[in-house]
Amino acid sequence: MSERRWNPQLQQWVIVATHRQDRTFKPPTEFCPLCPTKPDAFPTEIPADDYEIVVFENKFPSLRTPAPAIEVPGTELYPVAPAEGVCEVVCYSPHHNRTLADEPVEHVRNLIQVWTDRWQELGQRDDIDYVFIFENRGEAVGVTLHHPHGQIYGFSYIPPVLEKELAAAKDHQTKHERCLYCDILAEETTGGRVIAQNSGFTAFVPFFARFPYEVHLYANRHVGSLADLHESEQLQLAQVLKQVITAYDELFGFVLPYIMVLHQRPTNGDYPEYHFHFEFYPFHRAENKLKYLAGVESGAGTFITDMSPEEQARRLRGEQR
C-alpha cells in the first residue's frame, strides 16, 4: 500500500507506505548497499567499484510514478489520493565511515551542484510541485544505513511546513515591503548567535531555536533556490556548510546526529518573496542526553528548549565547552 490520506484536523496529507516496513535495517558494514560494488564481493545498489557522488531511485520509496492504485476508498471527510512523486538517494562519498565534514570543500561544492541539477530536473516535471532535499544522520534520528547519504523527495504538492513558510514570507512582504528572511538575517548578524560566515552565506543559531544546537544557514543575497546561485556562491556555500558540520562533530567529540533540510521555493509558480536556506535539527542537548519531542512539542506544537540560543552559539563556536 502506498497512498495519501487527508487529515482534516490539520488539513494536511499523511503518506501511508506499508512496504517500507521491509527496508534495509542496519546491515553490517560489509553488506552496506550504498558502498561501491567491489570485485567478488557483495553486490550493492551501485554497480561500480568506485564513485564520487551517486544518485539513484530509492528502493523503498514513499512516493512513486506511476503511483500504485488506491486500496482504501476515500470519503468526503477522508479523501484519499495517489502517492505520486519521486524518492531518490544521494550517496555523498564511496567511503563508508566519512561525513561531509571529512570531505574537501571542492567535494562539498560538487555535491551542491548535484543537488542543483536534481532540483532543476525534477522541478521541470509537470507532476512535481516541490523538490525537498534532506539528510537524516545518526541513529538518534532513526537512520538505518550509516553510509553518508541524503535523500530527495519530489512531491506532487507543497508540504505543510513549506506552505506555512511561504505564507509567512508573503504576509511579511505585503506588510513591510521587505523579505522576511533578509530581515531575520539582519537581526541575527548583530545578535551574537552567528557561528560561521563569509561574503555569500551566514550560519547562526536562530533567536527562536527549537532543537538543541539548531542552526540555520542563509544565503546573504536574496535568492529563492540553489539554481539561483552563482558559481562563486556555490563554493562559499560549501565552505560554510563544511564549517557548520565540523562544528557539530567537534561539539561532543563524535559525529552529531541531525536532520538537515533545504528550504527552497516551489518549482512551479512565482515566489519572489521566498529566501533559500538550510535548517539543521540536532537531537543531543548534551553529550549523553537527547531532546525528545514529548507531550508539549508533539501534542501542542510548542517547543521548549533547555539552553539559550546564545549559549548554544558560543558552544558551537568553541568558546564554551
Protein backbone atom coordinates (compact mmCIF):
# COMPACT_ATOMS: atom_id res chain seq x y z
CA MET A 1 0.00 0.00 0.00
CA SER A 2 1.20 3.50 -0.86
CA GLU A 3 -1.31 6.34 -0.78
CA ARG A 4 -2.05 9.77 0.66
CA ARG A 5 -4.75 10.19 3.30
CA TRP A 6 -6.17 13.56 4.32
CA ASN A 7 -6.02 14.71 7.96
CA PRO A 8 -8.99 17.10 8.30
CA GLN A 9 -7.86 18.27 11.76
CA LEU A 10 -4.60 19.75 10.47
CA GLN A 11 -5.63 20.00 6.82
CA GLN A 12 -2.60 18.15 5.53
CA TRP A 13 -1.71 14.88 3.84
CA VAL A 14 -0.32 11.77 5.55
CA ILE A 15 1.51 9.22 3.39
CA VAL A 16 0.78 5.57 4.13
CA ALA A 17 3.60 3.43 2.67
CA THR A 18 3.36 -0.02 4.22
CA HIS A 19 6.07 -1.61 2.03
CA ARG A 20 8.71 0.49 3.79
CA GLN A 21 8.49 -1.85 6.78
CA ASP A 22 10.74 -4.17 4.78
CA ARG A 23 13.52 -1.65 4.03
CA THR A 24 17.14 -2.47 4.86
CA PHE A 25 17.80 -2.12 8.59
CA LYS A 26 21.32 -1.53 9.98
CA PRO A 27 23.24 -4.04 7.85
CA PRO A 28 26.85 -4.99 8.71
CA THR A 29 29.44 -2.75 7.05
CA GLU A 30 30.45 -5.48 4.59
CA PHE A 31 26.86 -5.65 3.35
CA CYS A 32 26.21 -1.92 3.07
CA PRO A 33 24.01 -1.34 -0.02
CA LEU A 34 25.44 2.16 -0.56
CA CYS A 35 29.12 1.23 -0.80
CA PRO A 36 30.76 0.58 -4.19
CA THR A 37 30.48 -2.97 -5.51
CA LYS A 38 33.93 -4.50 -5.18
CA PRO A 39 35.10 -7.46 -7.29
CA ASP A 40 33.89 -10.81 -5.90
CA ALA A 41 32.12 -9.02 -3.05
CA PHE A 42 28.52 -8.35 -2.02
CA PRO A 43 26.65 -6.63 -4.91
CA THR A 44 25.35 -3.25 -3.75
CA GLU A 45 22.88 -0.72 -5.17
CA ILE A 46 25.83 0.87 -7.01
CA PRO A 47 27.32 -1.39 -9.73
CA ALA A 48 30.73 0.29 -9.80
CA ASP A 49 33.89 -0.35 -7.79
CA ASP A 50 34.32 3.38 -7.06
CA TYR A 51 32.42 6.65 -7.40
CA GLU A 52 32.43 10.28 -6.27
CA ILE A 53 28.72 11.10 -5.82
CA VAL A 54 25.83 8.89 -6.93
CA VAL A 55 22.07 9.49 -7.25
CA PHE A 56 19.57 6.68 -7.78
CA GLU A 57 15.90 5.94 -7.13
CA ASN A 58 15.05 4.79 -3.63
CA LYS A 59 14.36 1.06 -3.50
CA PHE A 60 11.68 1.65 -0.84
CA PRO A 61 10.01 4.89 -1.96
CA SER A 62 7.22 6.69 -0.12
CA LEU A 63 6.25 8.31 -3.44
CA ARG A 64 6.45 6.85 -6.92
CA THR A 65 5.35 7.47 -10.51
CA PRO A 66 3.13 5.93 -11.63
CA ALA A 67 1.61 5.69 -8.18
CA PRO A 68 0.07 2.41 -7.02
CA ALA A 69 -3.69 2.11 -7.15
CA ILE A 70 -5.56 3.33 -4.08
CA GLU A 71 -6.56 0.41 -1.87
CA VAL A 72 -8.92 2.13 0.59
CA PRO A 73 -11.78 4.22 -0.80
CA GLY A 74 -11.97 7.79 0.46
CA THR A 75 -14.97 9.73 1.75
CA GLU A 76 -15.96 13.38 1.82
CA LEU A 77 -14.32 13.75 5.25
CA TYR A 78 -11.38 11.47 4.47
CA PRO A 79 -10.18 11.99 0.88
CA VAL A 80 -7.55 9.57 -0.45
CA ALA A 81 -5.12 10.37 -3.26
CA PRO A 82 -2.35 8.52 -5.10
CA ALA A 83 1.11 8.84 -3.53
CA GLU A 84 2.63 10.28 -6.71
CA GLY A 85 6.16 11.61 -6.83
CA VAL A 86 9.81 10.65 -6.73
CA CYS A 87 12.18 9.45 -4.00
CA GLU A 88 15.91 9.46 -4.69
CA VAL A 89 19.01 8.58 -2.66
CA VAL A 90 22.17 10.72 -2.90
CA CYS A 91 25.38 8.95 -1.82
CA TYR A 92 27.86 11.62 -0.76
CA SER A 93 31.01 9.50 -0.91
CA PRO A 94 32.24 5.95 -1.53
CA HIS A 95 33.79 5.96 1.96
CA HIS A 96 31.52 4.23 4.47
CA ASN A 97 32.76 5.98 7.61
CA ARG A 98 33.23 9.55 6.40
CA THR A 99 30.93 12.56 6.74
CA LEU A 100 30.70 15.81 4.81
CA ALA A 101 32.98 17.33 7.46
CA ASP A 102 35.72 14.95 6.31
CA GLU A 103 35.42 15.90 2.64
CA PRO A 104 37.35 18.74 0.97
CA VAL A 105 35.41 21.92 0.19
CA GLU A 106 35.58 21.14 -3.54
CA HIS A 107 33.78 17.82 -2.96
CA VAL A 108 31.03 19.57 -0.96
CA ARG A 109 30.71 22.08 -3.82
CA ASN A 110 30.30 19.17 -6.24
CA LEU A 111 27.50 17.82 -4.05
CA ILE A 112 25.82 21.24 -4.15
CA GLN A 113 25.98 21.10 -7.94
CA VAL A 114 24.39 17.62 -7.87
CA TRP A 115 21.59 18.91 -5.62
CA THR A 116 21.09 21.82 -8.02
CA ASP A 117 20.89 19.51 -11.02
CA ARG A 118 18.33 17.24 -9.36
CA TRP A 119 16.23 20.24 -8.16
CA GLN A 120 16.12 21.58 -11.71
CA GLU A 121 15.46 18.27 -13.47
CA LEU A 122 12.77 17.04 -11.10
CA GLY A 123 11.23 20.51 -10.90
CA GLN A 124 10.64 20.54 -14.66
CA ARG A 125 8.22 17.65 -14.38
CA ASP A 126 4.52 18.54 -14.58
CA ASP A 127 3.68 16.14 -11.75
CA ILE A 128 6.19 17.66 -9.26
CA ASP A 129 5.36 20.85 -7.32
CA TYR A 130 8.06 20.74 -4.65
CA VAL A 131 11.57 19.24 -4.55
CA PHE A 132 12.67 18.57 -0.98
CA ILE A 133 16.35 17.78 -0.32
CA PHE A 134 17.33 16.49 3.12
CA GLU A 135 19.69 14.33 5.17
CA ASN A 136 18.94 12.18 8.21
CA ARG A 137 22.21 11.48 10.03
CA GLY A 138 22.69 9.16 13.00
CA GLU A 139 20.65 6.56 14.84
CA ALA A 140 19.17 9.19 17.17
CA VAL A 141 17.07 10.42 14.23
CA GLY A 142 16.17 6.91 13.05
CA VAL A 143 18.82 6.27 10.41
CA THR A 144 19.12 2.61 9.41
CA LEU A 145 22.01 2.99 6.91
CA HIS A 146 25.20 4.61 8.20
CA HIS A 147 26.85 5.26 4.86
CA PRO A 148 26.94 9.06 4.26
CA HIS A 149 23.89 9.88 2.16
CA GLY A 150 20.90 12.13 1.80
CA GLN A 151 17.55 11.95 0.07
CA ILE A 152 15.43 13.90 -2.40
CA TYR A 153 11.62 13.78 -2.46
CA GLY A 154 9.71 15.17 -5.42
CA PHE A 155 6.24 15.99 -4.06
CA SER A 156 3.12 16.47 -6.18
CA TYR A 157 2.04 19.14 -3.67
CA ILE A 158 3.71 21.70 -1.40
CA PRO A 159 4.40 20.12 2.03
CA PRO A 160 2.74 21.86 5.04
CA VAL A 161 5.88 23.32 6.67
CA LEU A 162 6.88 24.92 3.39
CA GLU A 163 3.32 26.11 2.82
CA LYS A 164 3.43 27.89 6.17
CA GLU A 165 6.83 29.46 5.47
CA LEU A 166 5.65 30.67 2.07
CA ALA A 167 2.53 32.22 3.62
CA ALA A 168 4.61 33.96 6.32
CA ALA A 169 7.06 35.29 3.71
CA LYS A 170 4.18 36.59 1.59
CA ASP A 171 2.50 38.22 4.59
CA HIS A 172 5.72 39.95 5.69
CA GLN A 173 6.40 41.18 2.15
CA THR A 174 2.87 42.57 1.88
CA LYS A 175 3.01 44.35 5.26
CA HIS A 176 6.60 45.64 5.21
CA GLU A 177 7.65 45.50 1.54
CA ARG A 178 10.74 43.57 2.63
CA CYS A 179 11.87 39.96 2.64
CA LEU A 180 11.15 38.21 5.94
CA TYR A 181 14.38 36.21 5.73
CA CYS A 182 16.52 39.22 4.88
CA ASP A 183 15.11 40.91 7.99
CA ILE A 184 15.83 37.81 10.10
CA LEU A 185 19.38 37.73 8.75
CA ALA A 186 19.92 41.41 9.56
CA GLU A 187 18.90 40.81 13.20
CA GLU A 188 20.91 37.61 13.55
CA THR A 189 24.15 39.19 12.33
CA THR A 190 24.07 41.50 15.37
CA GLY A 191 22.65 39.08 17.95
CA GLY A 192 25.74 37.10 18.96
CA ARG A 193 24.37 33.86 17.52
CA VAL A 194 26.41 33.66 14.29
CA ILE A 195 28.68 30.59 14.15
CA ALA A 196 30.08 30.79 10.58
CA GLN A 197 30.04 33.44 7.88
CA ASN A 198 31.59 34.55 4.62
CA SER A 199 30.56 37.03 1.93
CA GLY A 200 27.95 34.66 0.50
CA PHE A 201 26.39 32.83 3.46
CA THR A 202 25.73 33.12 7.18
CA ALA A 203 25.07 30.29 9.65
CA PHE A 204 23.55 31.01 13.06
CA VAL A 205 21.59 29.56 15.94
CA PRO A 206 18.25 31.34 15.46
CA PHE A 207 16.74 33.52 18.17
CA PHE A 208 13.73 31.15 18.09
CA ALA A 209 15.70 27.84 18.02
CA ARG A 210 13.53 24.85 18.89
CA PHE A 211 16.02 21.99 18.81
CA PRO A 212 19.28 21.95 20.81
CA TYR A 213 22.06 23.46 18.70
CA GLU A 214 19.66 24.16 15.84
CA VAL A 215 21.42 26.04 13.07
CA HIS A 216 20.02 27.92 10.08
CA LEU A 217 22.21 28.75 7.09
CA TYR A 218 21.04 31.64 4.90
CA ALA A 219 22.18 32.97 1.55
CA ASN A 220 23.26 36.58 2.16
CA ARG A 221 21.88 37.55 -1.24
CA HIS A 222 18.12 37.23 -1.77
CA VAL A 223 17.76 34.05 -3.83
CA GLY A 224 14.96 31.51 -3.96
CA SER A 225 16.80 28.28 -4.73
CA LEU A 226 20.11 26.56 -5.36
CA ALA A 227 19.63 27.23 -9.06
CA ASP A 228 19.88 30.99 -8.44
CA LEU A 229 23.42 30.78 -7.01
CA HIS A 230 26.49 31.94 -8.92
CA GLU A 231 29.44 29.52 -9.18
CA SER A 232 31.37 31.60 -6.63
CA GLU A 233 28.42 31.34 -4.23
CA GLN A 234 28.35 27.55 -4.60
CA LEU A 235 31.92 27.47 -3.30
CA GLN A 236 31.07 29.91 -0.48
CA LEU A 237 28.12 27.73 0.49
CA ALA A 238 30.38 24.66 0.53
CA GLN A 239 32.81 26.46 2.86
CA VAL A 240 30.14 27.46 5.40
CA LEU A 241 28.36 24.11 5.17
CA LYS A 242 31.60 22.30 5.97
CA GLN A 243 32.24 24.70 8.89
CA VAL A 244 28.81 24.02 10.38
CA ILE A 245 29.11 20.23 10.15
CA THR A 246 32.67 20.34 11.51
CA ALA A 247 31.44 22.42 14.46
CA TYR A 248 28.78 19.80 15.15
CA ASP A 249 31.29 16.95 15.10
CA GLU A 250 33.69 18.82 17.40
CA LEU A 251 30.95 19.79 19.88
CA PHE A 252 30.92 16.50 21.81
CA GLY A 253 33.74 14.69 20.01
CA PHE A 254 31.53 12.39 17.93
CA VAL A 255 29.53 12.56 14.72
CA LEU A 256 26.49 14.51 15.90
CA PRO A 257 23.15 13.13 14.66
CA TYR A 258 20.97 15.70 12.94
CA ILE A 259 18.31 16.33 10.33
CA MET A 260 19.42 18.72 7.60
CA VAL A 261 16.80 20.23 5.26
CA LEU A 262 17.00 22.60 2.32
CA HIS A 263 14.11 25.04 2.07
CA GLN A 264 13.69 26.41 -1.43
CA ARG A 265 10.89 27.96 -3.46
CA PRO A 266 8.43 25.59 -5.15
CA THR A 267 9.39 24.56 -8.66
CA ASN A 268 6.09 25.76 -10.15
CA GLY A 269 4.74 29.28 -9.83
CA ASP A 270 6.27 32.62 -8.85
CA TYR A 271 7.53 33.14 -5.29
CA PRO A 272 9.79 36.24 -5.32
CA GLU A 273 9.33 36.77 -1.57
CA TYR A 274 10.88 33.42 -0.58
CA HIS A 275 14.52 33.05 0.51
CA PHE A 276 16.64 29.90 0.13
CA HIS A 277 18.14 28.47 3.33
CA PHE A 278 19.22 25.34 5.22
CA GLU A 279 17.94 24.23 8.61
CA PHE A 280 19.70 21.74 10.91
CA TYR A 281 17.88 19.94 13.74
CA PRO A 282 20.19 18.03 16.14
CA PHE A 283 18.73 15.93 18.95
CA HIS A 284 21.56 15.92 21.52
CA ARG A 285 21.10 18.52 24.26
CA ALA A 286 24.23 17.18 25.98
CA GLU A 287 26.85 14.57 25.22
CA ASN A 288 24.74 11.78 26.75
CA LYS A 289 21.26 13.34 26.72
CA LEU A 290 18.74 13.50 23.89
CA LYS A 291 15.98 16.01 23.29
CA TYR A 292 12.71 14.11 22.96
CA LEU A 293 9.65 15.62 21.33
CA ALA A 294 7.30 14.79 24.18
CA GLY A 295 3.82 15.99 25.18
CA VAL A 296 4.04 19.74 24.66
CA GLU A 297 6.09 19.51 21.46
CA SER A 298 4.26 16.60 19.86
CA GLY A 299 0.76 17.23 21.18
CA ALA A 300 0.61 21.02 21.34
CA GLY A 301 3.22 22.01 18.77
CA THR A 302 5.10 24.27 21.18
CA PHE A 303 8.81 23.62 21.65
CA ILE A 304 10.56 24.03 25.00
CA THR A 305 14.34 24.47 24.95
CA ASP A 306 16.71 23.80 27.86
CA MET A 307 19.51 26.12 26.77
CA SER A 308 19.53 29.64 25.35
CA PRO A 309 20.34 30.02 21.65
CA GLU A 310 23.13 32.44 22.64
CA GLU A 311 24.81 29.79 24.80
CA GLN A 312 24.36 27.19 22.06
CA ALA A 313 26.09 29.50 19.57
CA ARG A 314 29.02 30.09 21.95
CA ARG A 315 29.49 26.35 22.34
CA LEU A 316 29.35 25.74 18.59
CA ARG A 317 31.97 28.46 18.10
CA GLY A 318 34.17 26.57 20.57
CA GLU A 319 34.11 29.38 23.14
CA GLN A 320 32.38 27.45 25.94
CA ARG A 321 32.58 23.67 26.24
